[in-house]
Amino acid sequence: MRLLRFSAVSRADRHVVTDACKEAIGASGGWVDDALFYSNKAVTLRFTVPGAAVPALRDRLEALDLRLDGPTPEEAAVSAAADVPGTLALTFVHDEPDLRRDIPAVPG
């Protein structure tokens, strides 16, 4: 089973971009398995998409005006017979300070 690895950089609002990427995955017939947030600087979406929909997913992500790295359209053409797992690493460029979260003390 092949793993797709996309990465992208954006200067847009992280909430808007993350939601748009999730919608692009869903519109391609896929689903998001997990999302890992790294402060307000980055997010990694782990997803699964039908193999035949990978070129369409790439097109949808490129349409979001992201600087996208990952499989070329030729490399993205994978077998239509199976679902393909993948990751999309988004990095956000902005002047905001790091997002800080209070972590409660764990007794014990």
PDB file of N, CA and C in Angstrom:
ATOM      1  N   MET A   1       0.844  -1.175   0.000  1.00  0.00           N
ATOM      2  CA  MET A   1       0.000   0.000   0.000  1.00  0.00           C
ATOM      3  C   MET A   1       0.893   1.243   0.000  1.00  0.00           C
ATOM      4  N   ARG A   2       0.634   2.146  -0.884  1.00  0.00           N
ATOM      5  CA  ARG A   2       1.427   3.356  -1.037  1.00  0.00           C
ATOM      6  C   ARG A   2       0.896   4.468  -0.134  1.00  0.00           C
ATOM      7  N   LEU A   3       1.779   5.239   0.445  1.00  0.00           N
ATOM      8  CA  LEU A   3       1.403   6.369   1.285  1.00  0.00           C
ATOM      9  C   LEU A   3       1.655   7.660   0.521  1.00  0.00           C
ATOM     10  N   LEU A   4       0.637   8.496   0.408  1.00  0.00           N
ATOM     11  CA  LEU A   4       0.789   9.806  -0.223  1.00  0.00           C
ATOM     12  C   LEU A   4       1.299  10.790   0.816  1.00  0.00           C
ATOM     13  N   ARG A   5       2.225  11.634   0.418  1.00  0.00           N
ATOM     14  CA  ARG A   5       2.735  12.661   1.331  1.00  0.00           C
ATOM     15  C   ARG A   5       2.687  14.000   0.625  1.00  0.00           C
ATOM     16  N   PHE A   6       1.773  14.838   1.078  1.00  0.00           N
ATOM     17  CA  PHE A   6       1.669  16.200   0.580  1.00  0.00           C
ATOM     18  C   PHE A   6       2.151  17.137   1.673  1.00  0.00           C
ATOM     19  N   SER A   7       2.727  18.252   1.282  1.00  0.00           N
ATOM     20  CA  SER A   7       3.037  19.320   2.227  1.00  0.00           C
ATOM     21  C   SER A   7       2.723  20.636   1.543  1.00  0.00           C
ATOM     22  N   ALA A   8       2.346  21.616   2.345  1.00  0.00           N
ATOM     23  CA  ALA A   8       1.962  22.910   1.790  1.00  0.00           C
ATOM     24  C   ALA A   8       2.271  24.013   2.781  1.00  0.00           C
ATOM     25  N   VAL A   9       2.475  25.209   2.246  1.00  0.00           N
ATOM     26  CA  VAL A   9       2.720  26.398   3.049  1.00  0.00           C
ATOM     27  C   VAL A   9       1.662  27.422   2.680  1.00  0.00           C
ATOM     28  N   SER A  10       1.153  28.117   3.704  1.00  0.00           N
ATOM     29  CA  SER A  10       0.124  29.122   3.451  1.00  0.00           C
ATOM     30  C   SER A  10       0.315  30.311   4.380  1.00  0.00           C
ATOM     31  N   ARG A  11      -0.075  31.481   3.887  1.00  0.00           N
ATOM     32  CA  ARG A  11      -0.096  32.696   4.702  1.00  0.00           C
ATOM     33  C   ARG A  11      -1.526  33.035   5.123  1.00  0.00           C
ATOM     34  N   ALA A  12      -2.491  32.252   4.674  1.00  0.00           N
ATOM     35  CA  ALA A  12      -3.900  32.498   4.993  1.00  0.00           C
ATOM     36  C   ALA A  12      -4.218  32.024   6.411  1.00  0.00           C
ATOM     37  N   ASP A  13      -5.407  32.380   6.885  1.00  0.00           N
ATOM     38  CA  ASP A  13      -5.862  31.978   8.210  1.00  0.00           C
ATOM     39  C   ASP A  13      -5.843  30.456   8.333  1.00  0.00           C
ATOM     40  N   ARG A  14      -5.247  29.957   9.407  1.00  0.00           N
ATOM     41  CA  ARG A  14      -5.071  28.510   9.559  1.00  0.00           C
ATOM     42  C   ARG A  14      -6.383  27.757   9.672  1.00  0.00           C
ATOM     43  N   HIS A  15      -7.392  28.371  10.289  1.00  0.00           N
ATOM     44  CA  HIS A  15      -8.689  27.713  10.421  1.00  0.00           C
ATOM     45  C   HIS A  15      -9.356  27.546   9.060  1.00  0.00           C
ATOM     46  N   VAL A  16      -9.307  28.583   8.260  1.00  0.00           N
ATOM     47  CA  VAL A  16      -9.922  28.560   6.929  1.00  0.00           C
ATOM     48  C   VAL A  16      -9.220  27.534   6.040  1.00  0.00           C
ATOM     49  N   VAL A  17      -7.892  27.551   6.045  1.00  0.00           N
ATOM     50  CA  VAL A  17      -7.125  26.625   5.206  1.00  0.00           C
ATOM     51  C   VAL A  17      -7.340  25.174   5.642  1.00  0.00           C
ATOM     52  N   THR A  18      -7.301  24.922   6.945  1.00  0.00           N
ATOM     53  CA  THR A  18      -7.494  23.559   7.442  1.00  0.00           C
ATOM     54  C   THR A  18      -8.874  23.038   7.063  1.00  0.00           C
ATOM     55  N   ASP A  19      -9.907  23.859   7.250  1.00  0.00           N
ATOM     56  CA  ASP A  19     -11.262  23.444   6.884  1.00  0.00           C
ATOM     57  C   ASP A  19     -11.381  23.207   5.380  1.00  0.00           C
ATOM     58  N   ALA A  20     -10.776  24.067   4.573  1.00  0.00           N
ATOM     59  CA  ALA A  20     -10.837  23.906   3.122  1.00  0.00           C
ATOM     60  C   ALA A  20     -10.139  22.620   2.675  1.00  0.00           C
ATOM     61  N   CYS A  21      -9.039  22.273   3.332  1.00  0.00           N
ATOM     62  CA  CYS A  21      -8.334  21.026   3.001  1.00  0.00           C
ATOM     63  C   CYS A  21      -9.171  19.814   3.384  1.00  0.00           C
ATOM     64  N   LYS A  22      -9.818  19.875   4.537  1.00  0.00           N
ATOM     65  CA  LYS A  22     -10.706  18.787   4.943  1.00  0.00           C
ATOM     66  C   LYS A  22     -11.841  18.621   3.929  1.00  0.00           C
ATOM     67  N   GLU A  23     -12.402  19.741   3.480  1.00  0.00           N
ATOM     68  CA  GLU A  23     -13.474  19.690   2.490  1.00  0.00           C
ATOM     69  C   GLU A  23     -12.972  19.125   1.162  1.00  0.00           C
ATOM     70  N   ALA A  24     -11.750  19.464   0.768  1.00  0.00           N
ATOM     71  CA  ALA A  24     -11.173  18.935  -0.472  1.00  0.00           C
ATOM     72  C   ALA A  24     -11.011  17.417  -0.387  1.00  0.00           C
ATOM     73  N   ILE A  25     -10.597  16.939   0.764  1.00  0.00           N
ATOM     74  CA  ILE A  25     -10.452  15.494   0.963  1.00  0.00           C
ATOM     75  C   ILE A  25     -11.825  14.827   0.868  1.00  0.00           C
ATOM     76  N   GLY A  26     -12.811  15.389   1.540  1.00  0.00           N
ATOM     77  CA  GLY A  26     -14.160  14.844   1.512  1.00  0.00           C
ATOM     78  C   GLY A  26     -14.777  14.890   0.121  1.00  0.00           C
ATOM     79  N   ALA A  27     -14.557  15.984  -0.604  1.00  0.00           N
ATOM     80  CA  ALA A  27     -15.098  16.117  -1.958  1.00  0.00           C
ATOM     81  C   ALA A  27     -14.453  15.127  -2.924  1.00  0.00           C
ATOM     82  N   SER A  28     -13.293  14.613  -2.557  1.00  0.00           N
ATOM     83  CA  SER A  28     -12.606  13.616  -3.379  1.00  0.00           C
ATOM     84  C   SER A  28     -13.012  12.194  -2.999  1.00  0.00           C
ATOM     85  N   GLY A  29     -13.979  12.070  -2.104  1.00  0.00           N
ATOM     86  CA  GLY A  29     -14.440  10.753  -1.686  1.00  0.00           C
ATOM     87  C   GLY A  29     -13.663  10.168  -0.527  1.00  0.00           C
ATOM     88  N   GLY A  30     -12.796  10.972   0.067  1.00  0.00           N
ATOM     89  CA  GLY A  30     -11.968  10.493   1.169  1.00  0.00           C
ATOM     90  C   GLY A  30     -12.482  10.962   2.509  1.00  0.00           C
ATOM     91  N   TRP A  31     -11.714  10.698   3.545  1.00  0.00           N
ATOM     92  CA  TRP A  31     -12.060  11.108   4.889  1.00  0.00           C
ATOM     93  C   TRP A  31     -10.782  11.365   5.673  1.00  0.00           C
ATOM     94  N   VAL A  32     -10.912  12.218   6.688  1.00  0.00           N
ATOM     95  CA  VAL A  32      -9.786  12.539   7.570  1.00  0.00           C
ATOM     96  C   VAL A  32      -9.783  11.548   8.719  1.00  0.00           C
ATOM     97  N   ASP A  33      -8.670  10.855   8.895  1.00  0.00           N
ATOM     98  CA  ASP A  33      -8.524   9.881   9.976  1.00  0.00           C
ATOM     99  C   ASP A  33      -8.078  10.530  11.275  1.00  0.00           C
ATOM    100  N   ASP A  34      -7.247  11.593  11.166  1.00  0.00           N
ATOM    101  CA  ASP A  34      -6.686  12.215  12.356  1.00  0.00           C
ATOM    102  C   ASP A  34      -6.139  13.580  11.978  1.00  0.00           C
ATOM    103  N   ALA A  35      -6.065  14.460  12.950  1.00  0.00           N
ATOM    104  CA  ALA A  35      -5.468  15.782  12.757  1.00  0.00           C
ATOM    105  C   ALA A  35      -4.583  16.076  13.961  1.00  0.00           C
ATOM    106  N   LEU A  36      -3.340  16.440  13.706  1.00  0.00           N
ATOM    107  CA  LEU A  36      -2.393  16.789  14.764  1.00  0.00           C
ATOM    108  C   LEU A  36      -2.021  18.255  14.606  1.00  0.00           C
ATOM    109  N   PHE A  37      -2.268  19.032  15.651  1.00  0.00           N
ATOM    110  CA  PHE A  37      -1.984  20.462  15.614  1.00  0.00           C
ATOM    111  C   PHE A  37      -0.707  20.741  16.400  1.00  0.00           C
ATOM    112  N   TYR A  38       0.157  21.530  15.811  1.00  0.00           N
ATOM    113  CA  TYR A  38       1.430  21.908  16.438  1.00  0.00           C
ATOM    114  C   TYR A  38       1.399  23.412  16.656  1.00  0.00           C
ATOM    115  N   SER A  39       0.946  23.814  17.840  1.00  0.00           N
ATOM    116  CA  SER A  39       0.760  25.207  18.176  1.00  0.00           C
ATOM    117  C   SER A  39      -0.125  25.830  17.109  1.00  0.00           C
ATOM    118  N   ASN A  40       0.162  27.035  16.683  1.00  0.00           N
ATOM    119  CA  ASN A  40      -0.596  27.652  15.589  1.00  0.00           C
ATOM    120  C   ASN A  40       0.285  27.767  14.340  1.00  0.00           C
ATOM    121  N   LYS A  41       1.343  26.986  14.324  1.00  0.00           N
ATOM    122  CA  LYS A  41       2.306  27.043  13.227  1.00  0.00           C
ATOM    123  C   LYS A  41       2.107  25.951  12.185  1.00  0.00           C
ATOM    124  N   ALA A  42       1.515  24.822  12.574  1.00  0.00           N
ATOM    125  CA  ALA A  42       1.417  23.698  11.639  1.00  0.00           C
ATOM    126  C   ALA A  42       0.305  22.746  12.053  1.00  0.00           C
ATOM    127  N   VAL A  43      -0.175  21.998  11.073  1.00  0.00           N
ATOM    128  CA  VAL A  43      -1.142  20.927  11.311  1.00  0.00           C
ATOM    129  C   VAL A  43      -0.835  19.811  10.316  1.00  0.00           C
ATOM    130  N   THR A  44      -1.006  18.585  10.751  1.00  0.00           N
ATOM    131  CA  THR A  44      -0.864  17.436   9.855  1.00  0.00           C
ATOM    132  C   THR A  44      -2.188  16.695   9.838  1.00  0.00           C
ATOM    133  N   LEU A  45      -2.739  16.545   8.639  1.00  0.00           N
ATOM    134  CA  LEU A  45      -3.966  15.784   8.456  1.00  0.00           C
ATOM    135  C   LEU A  45      -3.591  14.407   7.937  1.00  0.00           C
ATOM    136  N   ARG A  46      -4.082  13.373   8.609  1.00  0.00           N
ATOM    137  CA  ARG A  46      -3.902  12.007   8.123  1.00  0.00           C
ATOM    138  C   ARG A  46      -5.233  11.607   7.515  1.00  0.00           C
ATOM    139  N   PHE A  47      -5.223  11.131   6.269  1.00  0.00           N
ATOM    140  CA  PHE A  47      -6.461  10.877   5.552  1.00  0.00           C
ATOM    141  C   PHE A  47      -6.378   9.590   4.740  1.00  0.00           C
ATOM    142  N   THR A  48      -7.527   9.174   4.232  1.00  0.00           N
ATOM    143  CA  THR A  48      -7.631   8.056   3.304  1.00  0.00           C
ATOM    144  C   THR A  48      -8.514   8.515   2.157  1.00  0.00           C
ATOM    145  N   VAL A  49      -8.107   8.176   0.941  1.00  0.00           N
ATOM    146  CA  VAL A  49      -8.849   8.598  -0.249  1.00  0.00           C
ATOM    147  C   VAL A  49      -8.841   7.451  -1.263  1.00  0.00           C
ATOM    148  N   PRO A  50      -9.916   7.288  -2.041  1.00  0.00           N
ATOM    149  CA  PRO A  50      -9.882   6.257  -3.083  1.00  0.00           C
ATOM    150  C   PRO A  50      -8.744   6.513  -4.066  1.00  0.00           C
ATOM    151  N   GLY A  51      -8.074   5.446  -4.492  1.00  0.00           N
ATOM    152  CA  GLY A  51      -6.927   5.592  -5.390  1.00  0.00           C
ATOM    153  C   GLY A  51      -7.252   6.363  -6.657  1.00  0.00           C
ATOM    154  N   ALA A  52      -8.434   6.156  -7.203  1.00  0.00           N
ATOM    155  CA  ALA A  52      -8.813   6.843  -8.441  1.00  0.00           C
ATOM    156  C   ALA A  52      -9.004   8.344  -8.238  1.00  0.00           C
ATOM    157  N   ALA A  53      -9.209   8.771  -6.997  1.00  0.00           N
ATOM    158  CA  ALA A  53      -9.488  10.179  -6.708  1.00  0.00           C
ATOM    159  C   ALA A  53      -8.244  10.988  -6.362  1.00  0.00           C
ATOM    160  N   VAL A  54      -7.082  10.365  -6.330  1.00  0.00           N
ATOM    161  CA  VAL A  54      -5.867  11.081  -5.930  1.00  0.00           C
ATOM    162  C   VAL A  54      -5.557  12.261  -6.857  1.00  0.00           C
ATOM    163  N   PRO A  55      -5.630  12.108  -8.193  1.00  0.00           N
ATOM    164  CA  PRO A  55      -5.383  13.274  -9.050  1.00  0.00           C
ATOM    165  C   PRO A  55      -6.380  14.408  -8.790  1.00  0.00           C
ATOM    166  N   ALA A  56      -7.645  14.069  -8.542  1.00  0.00           N
ATOM    167  CA  ALA A  56      -8.654  15.095  -8.254  1.00  0.00           C
ATOM    168  C   ALA A  56      -8.359  15.793  -6.923  1.00  0.00           C
ATOM    169  N   LEU A  57      -7.889  15.032  -5.940  1.00  0.00           N
ATOM    170  CA  LEU A  57      -7.521  15.632  -4.659  1.00  0.00           C
ATOM    171  C   LEU A  57      -6.380  16.618  -4.848  1.00  0.00           C
ATOM    172  N   ARG A  58      -5.374  16.231  -5.594  1.00  0.00           N
ATOM    173  CA  ARG A  58      -4.252  17.140  -5.853  1.00  0.00           C
ATOM    174  C   ARG A  58      -4.742  18.423  -6.517  1.00  0.00           C
ATOM    175  N   ASP A  59      -5.626  18.288  -7.504  1.00  0.00           N
ATOM    176  CA  ASP A  59      -6.183  19.464  -8.191  1.00  0.00           C
ATOM    177  C   ASP A  59      -6.948  20.353  -7.223  1.00  0.00           C
ATOM    178  N   ARG A  60      -7.730  19.741  -6.339  1.00  0.00           N
ATOM    179  CA  ARG A  60      -8.505  20.530  -5.369  1.00  0.00           C
ATOM    180  C   ARG A  60      -7.586  21.262  -4.387  1.00  0.00           C
ATOM    181  N   LEU A  61      -6.534  20.597  -3.946  1.00  0.00           N
ATOM    182  CA  LEU A  61      -5.596  21.247  -3.030  1.00  0.00           C
ATOM    183  C   LEU A  61      -4.857  22.391  -3.719  1.00  0.00           C
ATOM    184  N   GLU A  62      -4.464  22.184  -4.972  1.00  0.00           N
ATOM    185  CA  GLU A  62      -3.795  23.262  -5.710  1.00  0.00           C
ATOM    186  C   GLU A  62      -4.722  24.449  -5.923  1.00  0.00           C
ATOM    187  N   ALA A  63      -6.011  24.198  -6.073  1.00  0.00           N
ATOM    188  CA  ALA A  63      -6.984  25.270  -6.279  1.00  0.00           C
ATOM    189  C   ALA A  63      -7.154  26.139  -5.031  1.00  0.00           C
ATOM    190  N   LEU A  64      -6.659  25.667  -3.891  1.00  0.00           N
ATOM    191  CA  LEU A  64      -6.761  26.431  -2.644  1.00  0.00           C
ATOM    192  C   LEU A  64      -5.651  27.466  -2.512  1.00  0.00           C
ATOM    193  N   ASP A  65      -4.855  27.626  -3.536  1.00  0.00           N
ATOM    194  CA  ASP A  65      -3.766  28.607  -3.551  1.00  0.00           C
ATOM    195  C   ASP A  65      -2.724  28.303  -2.474  1.00  0.00           C
ATOM    196  N   LEU A  66      -2.401  27.027  -2.346  1.00  0.00           N
ATOM    197  CA  LEU A  66      -1.348  26.593  -1.437  1.00  0.00           C
ATOM    198  C   LEU A  66      -0.074  26.366  -2.227  1.00  0.00           C
ATOM    199  N   ARG A  67       1.069  26.570  -1.603  1.00  0.00           N
ATOM    200  CA  ARG A  67       2.335  26.139  -2.205  1.00  0.00           C
ATOM    201  C   ARG A  67       2.460  24.660  -1.892  1.00  0.00           C
ATOM    202  N   LEU A  68       2.048  23.823  -2.831  1.00  0.00           N
ATOM    203  CA  LEU A  68       1.907  22.393  -2.592  1.00  0.00           C
ATOM    204  C   LEU A  68       3.109  21.623  -3.103  1.00  0.00           C
ATOM    205  N   ASP A  69       3.651  20.778  -2.250  1.00  0.00           N
ATOM    206  CA  ASP A  69       4.675  19.811  -2.630  1.00  0.00           C
ATOM    207  C   ASP A  69       4.080  18.433  -2.428  1.00  0.00           C
ATOM    208  N   GLY A  70       4.511  17.517  -3.209  1.00  0.00           N
ATOM    209  CA  GLY A  70       4.010  16.158  -3.075  1.00  0.00           C
ATOM    210  C   GLY A  70       4.074  15.452  -4.403  1.00  0.00           C
ATOM    211  N   PRO A  71       3.344  14.383  -4.533  1.00  0.00           N
ATOM    212  CA  PRO A  71       3.401  13.642  -5.788  1.00  0.00           C
ATOM    213  C   PRO A  71       2.968  14.516  -6.962  1.00  0.00           C
ATOM    214  N   THR A  72       3.694  14.401  -8.053  1.00  0.00           N
ATOM    215  CA  THR A  72       3.298  15.095  -9.277  1.00  0.00           C
ATOM    216  C   THR A  72       2.004  14.467  -9.777  1.00  0.00           C
ATOM    217  N   PRO A  73       1.303  15.102 -10.709  1.00  0.00           N
ATOM    218  CA  PRO A  73       0.087  14.480 -11.243  1.00  0.00           C
ATOM    219  C   PRO A  73       0.334  13.075 -11.790  1.00  0.00           C
ATOM    220  N   GLU A  74       1.488  12.863 -12.407  1.00  0.00           N
ATOM    221  CA  GLU A  74       1.807  11.530 -12.922  1.00  0.00           C
ATOM    222  C   GLU A  74       2.017  10.536 -11.779  1.00  0.00           C
ATOM    223  N   GLU A  75       2.720  10.982 -10.737  1.00  0.00           N
ATOM    224  CA  GLU A  75       2.956  10.115  -9.585  1.00  0.00           C
ATOM    225  C   GLU A  75       1.670   9.878  -8.797  1.00  0.00           C
ATOM    226  N   ALA A  76       0.757  10.842  -8.868  1.00  0.00           N
ATOM    227  CA  ALA A  76      -0.491  10.738  -8.122  1.00  0.00           C
ATOM    228  C   ALA A  76      -1.453   9.737  -8.748  1.00  0.00           C
ATOM    229  N   ALA A  77      -1.211   9.346  -9.977  1.00  0.00           N
ATOM    230  CA  ALA A  77      -2.084   8.371 -10.633  1.00  0.00           C
ATOM    231  C   ALA A  77      -1.771   6.991 -10.058  1.00  0.00           C
ATOM    232  N   VAL A  78      -2.604   6.559  -9.135  1.00  0.00           N
ATOM    233  CA  VAL A  78      -2.394   5.274  -8.466  1.00  0.00           C
ATOM    234  C   VAL A  78      -3.545   4.342  -8.810  1.00  0.00           C
ATOM    235  N   SER A  79      -3.455   3.147  -8.354  1.00  0.00           N
ATOM    236  CA  SER A  79      -4.471   2.140  -8.634  1.00  0.00           C
ATOM    237  C   SER A  79      -5.833   2.564  -8.100  1.00  0.00           C
ATOM    238  N   ALA A  80      -6.854   2.391  -8.931  1.00  0.00           N
ATOM    239  CA  ALA A  80      -8.211   2.713  -8.522  1.00  0.00           C
ATOM    240  C   ALA A  80      -8.821   1.593  -7.695  1.00  0.00           C
ATOM    241  N   ALA A  81      -8.084   0.514  -7.514  1.00  0.00           N
ATOM    242  CA  ALA A  81      -8.640  -0.662  -6.860  1.00  0.00           C
ATOM    243  C   ALA A  81      -8.667  -0.556  -5.342  1.00  0.00           C
ATOM    244  N   ALA A  82      -7.942   0.381  -4.767  1.00  0.00           N
ATOM    245  CA  ALA A  82      -7.830   0.409  -3.312  1.00  0.00           C
ATOM    246  C   ALA A  82      -7.861   1.836  -2.776  1.00  0.00           C
ATOM    247  N   ASP A  83      -8.186   1.936  -1.490  1.00  0.00           N
ATOM    248  CA  ASP A  83      -8.074   3.212  -0.803  1.00  0.00           C
ATOM    249  C   ASP A  83      -6.610   3.460  -0.492  1.00  0.00           C
ATOM    250  N   VAL A  84      -6.219   4.714  -0.548  1.00  0.00           N
ATOM    251  CA  VAL A  84      -4.820   5.084  -0.359  1.00  0.00           C
ATOM    252  C   VAL A  84      -4.707   5.984   0.873  1.00  0.00           C
ATOM    253  N   PRO A  85      -3.854   5.627   1.841  1.00  0.00           N
ATOM    254  CA  PRO A  85      -3.636   6.502   2.988  1.00  0.00           C
ATOM    255  C   PRO A  85      -2.674   7.628   2.615  1.00  0.00           C
ATOM    256  N   GLY A  86      -2.805   8.739   3.330  1.00  0.00           N
ATOM    257  CA  GLY A  86      -1.903   9.851   3.046  1.00  0.00           C
ATOM    258  C   GLY A  86      -1.836  10.834   4.189  1.00  0.00           C
ATOM    259  N   THR A  87      -0.899  11.761   4.053  1.00  0.00           N
ATOM    260  CA  THR A  87      -0.768  12.850   5.019  1.00  0.00           C
ATOM    261  C   THR A  87      -0.655  14.165   4.259  1.00  0.00           C
ATOM    262  N   LEU A  88      -1.147  15.203   4.885  1.00  0.00           N
ATOM    263  CA  LEU A  88      -1.005  16.553   4.371  1.00  0.00           C
ATOM    264  C   LEU A  88      -0.465  17.396   5.513  1.00  0.00           C
ATOM    265  N   ALA A  89       0.782  17.846   5.387  1.00  0.00           N
ATOM    266  CA  ALA A  89       1.424  18.687   6.403  1.00  0.00           C
ATOM    267  C   ALA A  89       1.288  20.135   5.970  1.00  0.00           C
ATOM    268  N   LEU A  90       0.579  20.920   6.761  1.00  0.00           N
ATOM    269  CA  LEU A  90       0.366  22.339   6.468  1.00  0.00           C
ATOM    270  C   LEU A  90       1.211  23.175   7.421  1.00  0.00           C
ATOM    271  N   THR A  91       1.964  24.103   6.865  1.00  0.00           N
ATOM    272  CA  THR A  91       2.751  25.038   7.665  1.00  0.00           C
ATOM    273  C   THR A  91       2.195  26.429   7.418  1.00  0.00           C
ATOM    274  N   PHE A  92       1.995  27.184   8.495  1.00  0.00           N
ATOM    275  CA  PHE A  92       1.401  28.513   8.388  1.00  0.00           C
ATOM    276  C   PHE A  92       2.439  29.580   8.700  1.00  0.00           C
ATOM    277  N   VAL A  93       2.554  30.531   7.806  1.00  0.00           N
ATOM    278  CA  VAL A  93       3.503  31.638   7.952  1.00  0.00           C
ATOM    279  C   VAL A  93       2.707  32.849   8.422  1.00  0.00           C
ATOM    280  N   HIS A  94       3.031  33.339   9.622  1.00  0.00           N
ATOM    281  CA  HIS A  94       2.343  34.501  10.172  1.00  0.00           C
ATOM    282  C   HIS A  94       3.197  35.123  11.268  1.00  0.00           C
ATOM    283  N   ASP A  95       2.745  36.272  11.753  1.00  0.00           N
ATOM    284  CA  ASP A  95       3.484  36.997  12.795  1.00  0.00           C
ATOM    285  C   ASP A  95       2.909  36.798  14.187  1.00  0.00           C
ATOM    286  N   GLU A  96       1.951  35.917  14.328  1.00  0.00           N
ATOM    287  CA  GLU A  96       1.338  35.683  15.630  1.00  0.00           C
ATOM    288  C   GLU A  96       2.316  34.953  16.551  1.00  0.00           C
ATOM    289  N   PRO A  97       2.220  35.212  17.851  1.00  0.00           N
ATOM    290  CA  PRO A  97       3.068  34.447  18.781  1.00  0.00           C
ATOM    291  C   PRO A  97       2.576  33.005  18.859  1.00  0.00           C
ATOM    292  N   ASP A  98       3.428  32.121  19.368  1.00  0.00           N
ATOM    293  CA  ASP A  98       3.024  30.730  19.547  1.00  0.00           C
ATOM    294  C   ASP A  98       1.763  30.654  20.388  1.00  0.00           C
ATOM    295  N   LEU A  99       0.905  29.729  20.026  1.00  0.00           N
ATOM    296  CA  LEU A  99      -0.312  29.496  20.779  1.00  0.00           C
ATOM    297  C   LEU A  99       0.036  28.697  22.023  1.00  0.00           C
ATOM    298  N   ARG A 100      -0.295  29.214  23.161  1.00  0.00           N
ATOM    299  CA  ARG A 100       0.015  28.544  24.430  1.00  0.00           C
ATOM    300  C   ARG A 100      -1.265  27.958  25.009  1.00  0.00           C
ATOM    301  N   ARG A 101      -1.172  26.768  25.506  1.00  0.00           N
ATOM    302  CA  ARG A 101      -2.333  26.114  26.136  1.00  0.00           C
ATOM    303  C   ARG A 101      -1.924  25.695  27.553  1.00  0.00           C
ATOM    304  N   ASP A 102      -2.829  25.922  28.479  1.00  0.00           N
ATOM    305  CA  ASP A 102      -2.600  25.490  29.857  1.00  0.00           C
ATOM    306  C   ASP A 102      -2.862  23.995  29.927  1.00  0.00           C
ATOM    307  N   ILE A 103      -1.912  23.273  30.467  1.00  0.00           N
ATOM    308  CA  ILE A 103      -2.053  21.828  30.649  1.00  0.00           C
ATOM    309  C   ILE A 103      -2.276  21.586  32.122  1.00  0.00           C
ATOM    310  N   PRO A 104      -3.438  21.004  32.456  1.00  0.00           N
ATOM    311  CA  PRO A 104      -3.713  20.795  33.876  1.00  0.00           C
ATOM    312  C   PRO A 104      -2.758  19.769  34.481  1.00  0.00           C
ATOM    313  N   ALA A 105      -2.450  19.987  35.750  1.00  0.00           N
ATOM    314  CA  ALA A 105      -1.583  19.045  36.469  1.00  0.00           C
ATOM    315  C   ALA A 105      -2.317  17.727  36.645  1.00  0.00           C
ATOM    316  N   VAL A 106      -1.593  16.652  36.458  1.00  0.00           N
ATOM    317  CA  VAL A 106      -2.175  15.322  36.622  1.00  0.00           C
ATOM    318  C   VAL A 106      -1.813  14.822  38.007  1.00  0.00           C
ATOM    319  N   PRO A 107      -2.824  14.466  38.790  1.00  0.00           N
ATOM    320  CA  PRO A 107      -2.487  13.984  40.142  1.00  0.00           C
ATOM    321  C   PRO A 107      -1.753  12.645  40.073  1.00  0.00           C
ATOM    322  N   GLY A 108      -0.866  12.485  41.010  1.00  0.00           N
ATOM    323  CA  GLY A 108      -0.303  11.178  41.086  1.00  0.00           C
ATOM    324  C   GLY A 108       1.119  11.036  41.153  1.00  0.00           C
TER     325      GLY A 108
END
